[in-house]
PDB file of N, CA and C in Angstrom:
ATOM      1  N   UNK A   1     104.788  76.338 117.370  1.00  0.00           N
ATOM      2  CA  UNK A   1     104.647  77.268 118.479  1.00  0.00           C
ATOM      3  C   UNK A   1     103.836  78.479 118.007  1.00  0.00           C
ATOM      4  N   UNK A   2     102.837  78.830 118.776  1.00  0.00           N
ATOM      5  CA  UNK A   2     101.954  79.946 118.441  1.00  0.00           C
ATOM      6  C   UNK A   2     102.585  81.249 118.916  1.00  0.00           C
ATOM      7  N   UNK A   3     102.611  82.259 118.033  1.00  0.00           N
ATOM      8  CA  UNK A   3     103.172  83.560 118.413  1.00  0.00           C
ATOM      9  C   UNK A   3     102.131  84.381 119.172  1.00  0.00           C
ATOM     10  N   UNK A   4     102.588  85.417 119.837  1.00  0.00           N
ATOM     11  CA  UNK A   4     101.664  86.308 120.556  1.00  0.00           C
ATOM     12  C   UNK A   4     100.671  86.961 119.602  1.00  0.00           C
ATOM     13  N   UNK A   5     101.150  87.330 118.411  1.00  0.00           N
ATOM     14  CA  UNK A   5     100.258  87.935 117.415  1.00  0.00           C
ATOM     15  C   UNK A   5      99.160  86.969 117.010  1.00  0.00           C
ATOM     16  N   UNK A   6      99.535  85.741 116.756  1.00  0.00           N
ATOM     17  CA  UNK A   6      98.536  84.740 116.358  1.00  0.00           C
ATOM     18  C   UNK A   6      97.514  84.512 117.467  1.00  0.00           C
ATOM     19  N   UNK A   7      97.978  84.485 118.680  1.00  0.00           N
ATOM     20  CA  UNK A   7      97.075  84.307 119.819  1.00  0.00           C
ATOM     21  C   UNK A   7      96.140  85.516 119.957  1.00  0.00           C
ATOM     22  N   UNK A   8      96.678  86.714 119.775  1.00  0.00           N
ATOM     23  CA  UNK A   8      95.874  87.932 119.929  1.00  0.00           C
ATOM     24  C   UNK A   8      94.784  88.020 118.867  1.00  0.00           C
ATOM     25  N   UNK A   9      95.081  87.536 117.665  1.00  0.00           N
ATOM     26  CA  UNK A   9      94.117  87.622 116.569  1.00  0.00           C
ATOM     27  C   UNK A   9      93.412  86.296 116.298  1.00  0.00           C
ATOM     28  N   UNK A  10      93.463  85.360 117.216  1.00  0.00           N
ATOM     29  CA  UNK A  10      92.914  84.021 116.999  1.00  0.00           C
ATOM     30  C   UNK A  10      91.442  84.046 116.599  1.00  0.00           C
ATOM     31  N   UNK A  11      90.690  84.949 117.178  1.00  0.00           N
ATOM     32  CA  UNK A  11      89.252  85.000 116.883  1.00  0.00           C
ATOM     33  C   UNK A  11      88.938  85.842 115.652  1.00  0.00           C
ATOM     34  N   UNK A  12      89.937  86.533 115.116  1.00  0.00           N
ATOM     35  CA  UNK A  12      89.731  87.377 113.925  1.00  0.00           C
ATOM     36  C   UNK A  12      90.853  87.136 112.916  1.00  0.00           C
ATOM     37  N   UNK A  13      90.918  85.941 112.337  1.00  0.00           N
ATOM     38  CA  UNK A  13      92.018  85.640 111.410  1.00  0.00           C
ATOM     39  C   UNK A  13      92.047  86.561 110.192  1.00  0.00           C
ATOM     40  N   UNK A  14      90.892  87.090 109.793  1.00  0.00           N
ATOM     41  CA  UNK A  14      90.876  88.005 108.646  1.00  0.00           C
ATOM     42  C   UNK A  14      91.581  89.313 108.973  1.00  0.00           C
ATOM     43  N   UNK A  15      91.504  89.745 110.226  1.00  0.00           N
ATOM     44  CA  UNK A  15      92.204  90.962 110.655  1.00  0.00           C
ATOM     45  C   UNK A  15      93.708  90.701 110.691  1.00  0.00           C
ATOM     46  N   UNK A  16      94.086  89.520 111.165  1.00  0.00           N
ATOM     47  CA  UNK A  16      95.501  89.141 111.194  1.00  0.00           C
ATOM     48  C   UNK A  16      96.072  89.115 109.771  1.00  0.00           C
ATOM     49  N   UNK A  17      95.323  88.547 108.841  1.00  0.00           N
ATOM     50  CA  UNK A  17      95.769  88.482 107.448  1.00  0.00           C
ATOM     51  C   UNK A  17      95.876  89.882 106.840  1.00  0.00           C
ATOM     52  N   UNK A  18      94.900  90.732 107.110  1.00  0.00           N
ATOM     53  CA  UNK A  18      94.922  92.104 106.582  1.00  0.00           C
ATOM     54  C   UNK A  18      96.097  92.882 107.159  1.00  0.00           C
ATOM     55  N   UNK A  19      96.402  92.655 108.430  1.00  0.00           N
ATOM     56  CA  UNK A  19      97.532  93.316 109.068  1.00  0.00           C
ATOM     57  C   UNK A  19      98.836  92.897 108.383  1.00  0.00           C
ATOM     58  N   UNK A  20      98.949  91.612 108.067  1.00  0.00           N
ATOM     59  CA  UNK A  20     100.131  91.123 107.362  1.00  0.00           C
ATOM     60  C   UNK A  20     100.263  91.724 105.972  1.00  0.00           C
ATOM     61  N   UNK A  21      99.140  91.858 105.268  1.00  0.00           N
ATOM     62  CA  UNK A  21      99.158  92.461 103.932  1.00  0.00           C
ATOM     63  C   UNK A  21      99.562  93.933 104.011  1.00  0.00           C
ATOM     64  N   UNK A  22      99.031  94.657 104.990  1.00  0.00           N
ATOM     65  CA  UNK A  22      99.384  96.066 105.162  1.00  0.00           C
ATOM     66  C   UNK A  22     100.870  96.211 105.466  1.00  0.00           C
ATOM     67  N   UNK A  23     101.371  95.390 106.376  1.00  0.00           N
ATOM     68  CA  UNK A  23     102.787  95.429 106.721  1.00  0.00           C
ATOM     69  C   UNK A  23     103.641  95.131 105.497  1.00  0.00           C
ATOM     70  N   UNK A  24     103.239  94.150 104.695  1.00  0.00           N
ATOM     71  CA  UNK A  24     103.975  93.817 103.490  1.00  0.00           C
ATOM     72  C   UNK A  24     103.974  94.952 102.481  1.00  0.00           C
ATOM     73  N   UNK A  25     102.842  95.626 102.345  1.00  0.00           N
ATOM     74  CA  UNK A  25     102.746  96.749 101.408  1.00  0.00           C
ATOM     75  C   UNK A  25     103.637  97.908 101.854  1.00  0.00           C
ATOM     76  N   UNK A  26     103.694  98.141 103.153  1.00  0.00           N
ATOM     77  CA  UNK A  26     104.552  99.210 103.675  1.00  0.00           C
ATOM     78  C   UNK A  26     106.016  98.855 103.450  1.00  0.00           C
ATOM     79  N   UNK A  27     106.388  97.614 103.761  1.00  0.00           N
ATOM     80  CA  UNK A  27     107.777  97.174 103.583  1.00  0.00           C
ATOM     81  C   UNK A  27     108.206  97.224 102.122  1.00  0.00           C
ATOM     82  N   UNK A  28     107.303  96.901 101.221  1.00  0.00           N
ATOM     83  CA  UNK A  28     107.641  96.848  99.797  1.00  0.00           C
ATOM     84  C   UNK A  28     108.027  98.222  99.259  1.00  0.00           C
ATOM     85  N   UNK A  29     107.541  99.278  99.887  1.00  0.00           N
ATOM     86  CA  UNK A  29     107.798 100.619  99.412  1.00  0.00           C
ATOM     87  C   UNK A  29     109.062 101.253  99.937  1.00  0.00           C
ATOM     88  N   UNK A  30     109.848 100.538 100.735  1.00  0.00           N
ATOM     89  CA  UNK A  30     111.080 101.126 101.269  1.00  0.00           C
ATOM     90  C   UNK A  30     112.140 100.049 101.482  1.00  0.00           C
ATOM     91  N   UNK A  31     113.394 100.496 101.572  1.00  0.00           N
ATOM     92  CA  UNK A  31     114.455  99.515 101.797  1.00  0.00           C
ATOM     93  C   UNK A  31     114.421  99.041 103.251  1.00  0.00           C
ATOM     94  N   UNK A  32     115.084  97.921 103.511  1.00  0.00           N
ATOM     95  CA  UNK A  32     115.019  97.281 104.823  1.00  0.00           C
ATOM     96  C   UNK A  32     115.524  98.197 105.932  1.00  0.00           C
ATOM     97  N   UNK A  33     116.617  98.905 105.700  1.00  0.00           N
ATOM     98  CA  UNK A  33     117.167  99.773 106.753  1.00  0.00           C
ATOM     99  C   UNK A  33     116.178 100.862 107.140  1.00  0.00           C
ATOM    100  N   UNK A  34     115.561 101.487 106.170  1.00  0.00           N
ATOM    101  CA  UNK A  34     114.577 102.539 106.464  1.00  0.00           C
ATOM    102  C   UNK A  34     113.390 101.949 107.238  1.00  0.00           C
ATOM    103  N   UNK A  35     112.922 100.768 106.815  1.00  0.00           N
ATOM    104  CA  UNK A  35     111.805 100.119 107.500  1.00  0.00           C
ATOM    105  C   UNK A  35     112.154  99.856 108.969  1.00  0.00           C
ATOM    106  N   UNK A  36     113.361  99.347 109.208  1.00  0.00           N
ATOM    107  CA  UNK A  36     113.789  99.079 110.586  1.00  0.00           C
ATOM    108  C   UNK A  36     113.873 100.363 111.403  1.00  0.00           C
ATOM    109  N   UNK A  37     114.385 101.436 110.815  1.00  0.00           N
ATOM    110  CA  UNK A  37     114.483 102.711 111.532  1.00  0.00           C
ATOM    111  C   UNK A  37     113.100 103.275 111.872  1.00  0.00           C
ATOM    112  N   UNK A  38     112.188 103.184 110.924  1.00  0.00           N
ATOM    113  CA  UNK A  38     110.826 103.671 111.161  1.00  0.00           C
ATOM    114  C   UNK A  38     110.151 102.849 112.246  1.00  0.00           C
ATOM    115  N   UNK A  39     110.334 101.534 112.212  1.00  0.00           N
ATOM    116  CA  UNK A  39     109.755 100.652 113.230  1.00  0.00           C
ATOM    117  C   UNK A  39     110.317 100.983 114.606  1.00  0.00           C
ATOM    118  N   UNK A  40     111.612 101.181 114.694  1.00  0.00           N
ATOM    119  CA  UNK A  40     112.254 101.528 115.958  1.00  0.00           C
ATOM    120  C   UNK A  40     111.752 102.877 116.467  1.00  0.00           C
ATOM    121  N   UNK A  41     111.641 103.856 115.590  1.00  0.00           N
ATOM    122  CA  UNK A  41     111.156 105.181 115.985  1.00  0.00           C
ATOM    123  C   UNK A  41     109.716 105.107 116.491  1.00  0.00           C
ATOM    124  N   UNK A  42     108.884 104.317 115.826  1.00  0.00           N
ATOM    125  CA  UNK A  42     107.493 104.177 116.263  1.00  0.00           C
ATOM    126  C   UNK A  42     107.421 103.512 117.633  1.00  0.00           C
ATOM    127  N   UNK A  43     108.240 102.500 117.859  1.00  0.00           N
ATOM    128  CA  UNK A  43     108.253 101.817 119.157  1.00  0.00           C
ATOM    129  C   UNK A  43     108.721 102.769 120.254  1.00  0.00           C
ATOM    130  N   UNK A  44     109.750 103.555 119.969  1.00  0.00           N
ATOM    131  CA  UNK A  44     110.253 104.508 120.957  1.00  0.00           C
ATOM    132  C   UNK A  44     109.198 105.563 121.271  1.00  0.00           C
ATOM    133  N   UNK A  45     108.524 106.045 120.250  1.00  0.00           N
ATOM    134  CA  UNK A  45     107.477 107.046 120.470  1.00  0.00           C
ATOM    135  C   UNK A  45     106.357 106.487 121.342  1.00  0.00           C
ATOM    136  N   UNK A  46     105.984 105.253 121.075  1.00  0.00           N
ATOM    137  CA  UNK A  46     104.934 104.595 121.866  1.00  0.00           C
ATOM    138  C   UNK A  46     105.382 104.476 123.318  1.00  0.00           C
ATOM    139  N   UNK A  47     106.629 104.042 123.544  1.00  0.00           N
ATOM    140  CA  UNK A  47     107.148 103.894 124.896  1.00  0.00           C
ATOM    141  C   UNK A  47     107.169 105.230 125.622  1.00  0.00           C
ATOM    142  N   UNK A  48     107.690 106.265 124.978  1.00  0.00           N
ATOM    143  CA  UNK A  48     107.781 107.567 125.631  1.00  0.00           C
ATOM    144  C   UNK A  48     106.412 108.182 125.851  1.00  0.00           C
ATOM    145  N   UNK A  49     105.481 107.915 124.977  1.00  0.00           N
ATOM    146  CA  UNK A  49     104.117 108.398 125.159  1.00  0.00           C
ATOM    147  C   UNK A  49     103.503 107.767 126.408  1.00  0.00           C
ATOM    148  N   UNK A  50     103.695 106.462 126.574  1.00  0.00           N
ATOM    149  CA  UNK A  50     103.175 105.768 127.753  1.00  0.00           C
ATOM    150  C   UNK A  50     103.863 106.266 129.020  1.00  0.00           C
ATOM    151  N   UNK A  51     105.162 106.515 128.917  1.00  0.00           N
ATOM    152  CA  UNK A  51     105.915 107.001 130.071  1.00  0.00           C
ATOM    153  C   UNK A  51     105.420 108.381 130.486  1.00  0.00           C
ATOM    154  N   UNK A  52     105.240 109.274 129.524  1.00  0.00           N
ATOM    155  CA  UNK A  52     104.756 110.615 129.825  1.00  0.00           C
ATOM    156  C   UNK A  52     103.360 110.556 130.422  1.00  0.00           C
ATOM    157  N   UNK A  53     102.505 109.728 129.867  1.00  0.00           N
ATOM    158  CA  UNK A  53     101.155 109.564 130.392  1.00  0.00           C
ATOM    159  C   UNK A  53     101.203 109.087 131.842  1.00  0.00           C
ATOM    160  N   UNK A  54     102.085 108.150 132.133  1.00  0.00           N
ATOM    161  CA  UNK A  54     102.207 107.629 133.490  1.00  0.00           C
ATOM    162  C   UNK A  54     102.662 108.729 134.451  1.00  0.00           C
ATOM    163  N   UNK A  55     103.566 109.592 133.987  1.00  0.00           N
ATOM    164  CA  UNK A  55     104.055 110.665 134.859  1.00  0.00           C
ATOM    165  C   UNK A  55     102.974 111.719 135.099  1.00  0.00           C
ATOM    166  N   UNK A  56     102.213 112.031 134.059  1.00  0.00           N
ATOM    167  CA  UNK A  56     101.167 113.048 134.182  1.00  0.00           C
ATOM    168  C   UNK A  56     100.028 112.554 135.061  1.00  0.00           C
ATOM    169  N   UNK A  57      99.658 111.300 134.877  1.00  0.00           N
ATOM    170  CA  UNK A  57      98.527 110.736 135.620  1.00  0.00           C
ATOM    171  C   UNK A  57      98.980 110.196 136.970  1.00  0.00           C
ATOM    172  N   UNK A  58     100.294 110.099 137.170  1.00  0.00           N
ATOM    173  CA  UNK A  58     100.887 109.648 138.425  1.00  0.00           C
ATOM    174  C   UNK A  58     100.497 108.211 138.748  1.00  0.00           C
ATOM    175  N   UNK A  59     100.823 107.328 137.816  1.00  0.00           N
ATOM    176  CA  UNK A  59     100.612 105.899 138.061  1.00  0.00           C
ATOM    177  C   UNK A  59     101.832 105.148 137.534  1.00  0.00           C
ATOM    178  N   UNK A  60     102.026 103.922 137.947  1.00  0.00           N
ATOM    179  CA  UNK A  60     103.191 103.167 137.488  1.00  0.00           C
ATOM    180  C   UNK A  60     103.199 103.000 135.970  1.00  0.00           C
ATOM    181  N   UNK A  61     104.381 102.978 135.381  1.00  0.00           N
ATOM    182  CA  UNK A  61     104.515 102.879 133.929  1.00  0.00           C
ATOM    183  C   UNK A  61     103.901 101.584 133.415  1.00  0.00           C
ATOM    184  N   UNK A  62     104.019 100.506 134.143  1.00  0.00           N
ATOM    185  CA  UNK A  62     103.482  99.211 133.700  1.00  0.00           C
ATOM    186  C   UNK A  62     101.979  99.266 133.499  1.00  0.00           C
ATOM    187  N   UNK A  63     101.281 100.151 134.181  1.00  0.00           N
ATOM    188  CA  UNK A  63      99.828 100.255 134.057  1.00  0.00           C
ATOM    189  C   UNK A  63      99.405 101.193 132.943  1.00  0.00           C
ATOM    190  N   UNK A  64     100.359 101.907 132.346  1.00  0.00           N
ATOM    191  CA  UNK A  64     100.020 102.904 131.315  1.00  0.00           C
ATOM    192  C   UNK A  64      99.485 102.254 130.073  1.00  0.00           C
TER     193      UNK A  64
END
Protein backbone atom coordinates (compact mmCIF):
# COMPACT_ATOMS: atom_id res chain seq x y z
CA UNK A 1 0.00 0.00 0.00
CA UNK A 2 1.38 3.38 -1.04
CA UNK A 3 1.42 6.08 1.65
CA UNK A 4 0.37 9.68 1.05
CA UNK A 5 3.99 10.78 1.47
CA UNK A 6 5.19 8.33 -1.15
CA UNK A 7 2.49 9.48 -3.54
CA UNK A 8 3.30 13.16 -2.93
CA UNK A 9 7.01 12.63 -3.62
CA UNK A 10 6.59 10.05 -6.41
CA UNK A 11 8.18 12.29 -9.02
CA UNK A 12 11.03 13.37 -6.71
CA UNK A 13 12.27 10.25 -4.88
CA UNK A 14 15.54 12.00 -3.99
CA UNK A 15 13.59 14.65 -2.07
CA UNK A 16 11.63 11.93 -0.27
CA UNK A 17 14.89 10.20 0.69
CA UNK A 18 16.47 13.47 1.87
CA UNK A 19 13.37 14.23 3.94
CA UNK A 20 13.69 10.82 5.61
CA UNK A 21 17.38 11.41 6.35
CA UNK A 22 16.63 14.84 7.85
CA UNK A 23 13.85 13.40 10.00
CA UNK A 24 16.17 10.62 11.16
CA UNK A 25 18.92 13.09 12.04
CA UNK A 26 16.49 15.20 14.07
CA UNK A 27 15.11 12.14 15.88
CA UNK A 28 18.60 10.85 16.67
CA UNK A 29 19.38 13.99 18.63
CA UNK A 30 16.52 13.69 21.12
CA UNK A 31 14.58 11.12 23.09
CA UNK A 32 11.30 9.79 21.71
CA UNK A 33 9.05 11.69 24.13
CA UNK A 34 10.63 15.04 23.29
CA UNK A 35 10.40 14.27 19.55
CA UNK A 36 6.69 13.45 19.90
CA UNK A 37 6.03 16.64 21.89
CA UNK A 38 7.85 18.79 19.34
CA UNK A 39 5.96 17.13 16.48
CA UNK A 40 2.63 17.70 18.24
CA UNK A 41 3.49 21.34 18.97
CA UNK A 42 4.47 21.95 15.34
CA UNK A 43 1.22 20.39 14.10
CA UNK A 44 -0.83 22.49 16.53
CA UNK A 45 0.97 25.65 15.48
CA UNK A 46 0.32 24.87 11.82
CA UNK A 47 -3.38 24.25 12.53
CA UNK A 48 -3.82 27.44 14.55
CA UNK A 49 -1.91 29.45 11.96
CA UNK A 50 -4.29 28.22 9.25
CA UNK A 51 -7.28 28.90 11.48
CA UNK A 52 -6.15 32.46 12.23
CA UNK A 53 -5.48 33.08 8.55
CA UNK A 54 -8.97 31.84 7.69
CA UNK A 55 -10.52 34.18 10.27
CA UNK A 56 -8.51 37.20 9.11
CA UNK A 57 -9.15 36.58 5.42
CA UNK A 58 -12.75 35.50 6.14
CA UNK A 59 -12.80 32.21 4.29
CA UNK A 60 -13.58 28.65 5.37
CA UNK A 61 -10.84 26.89 7.35
CA UNK A 62 -10.72 24.00 4.86
CA UNK A 63 -9.56 26.43 2.15
CA UNK A 64 -6.76 27.92 4.28
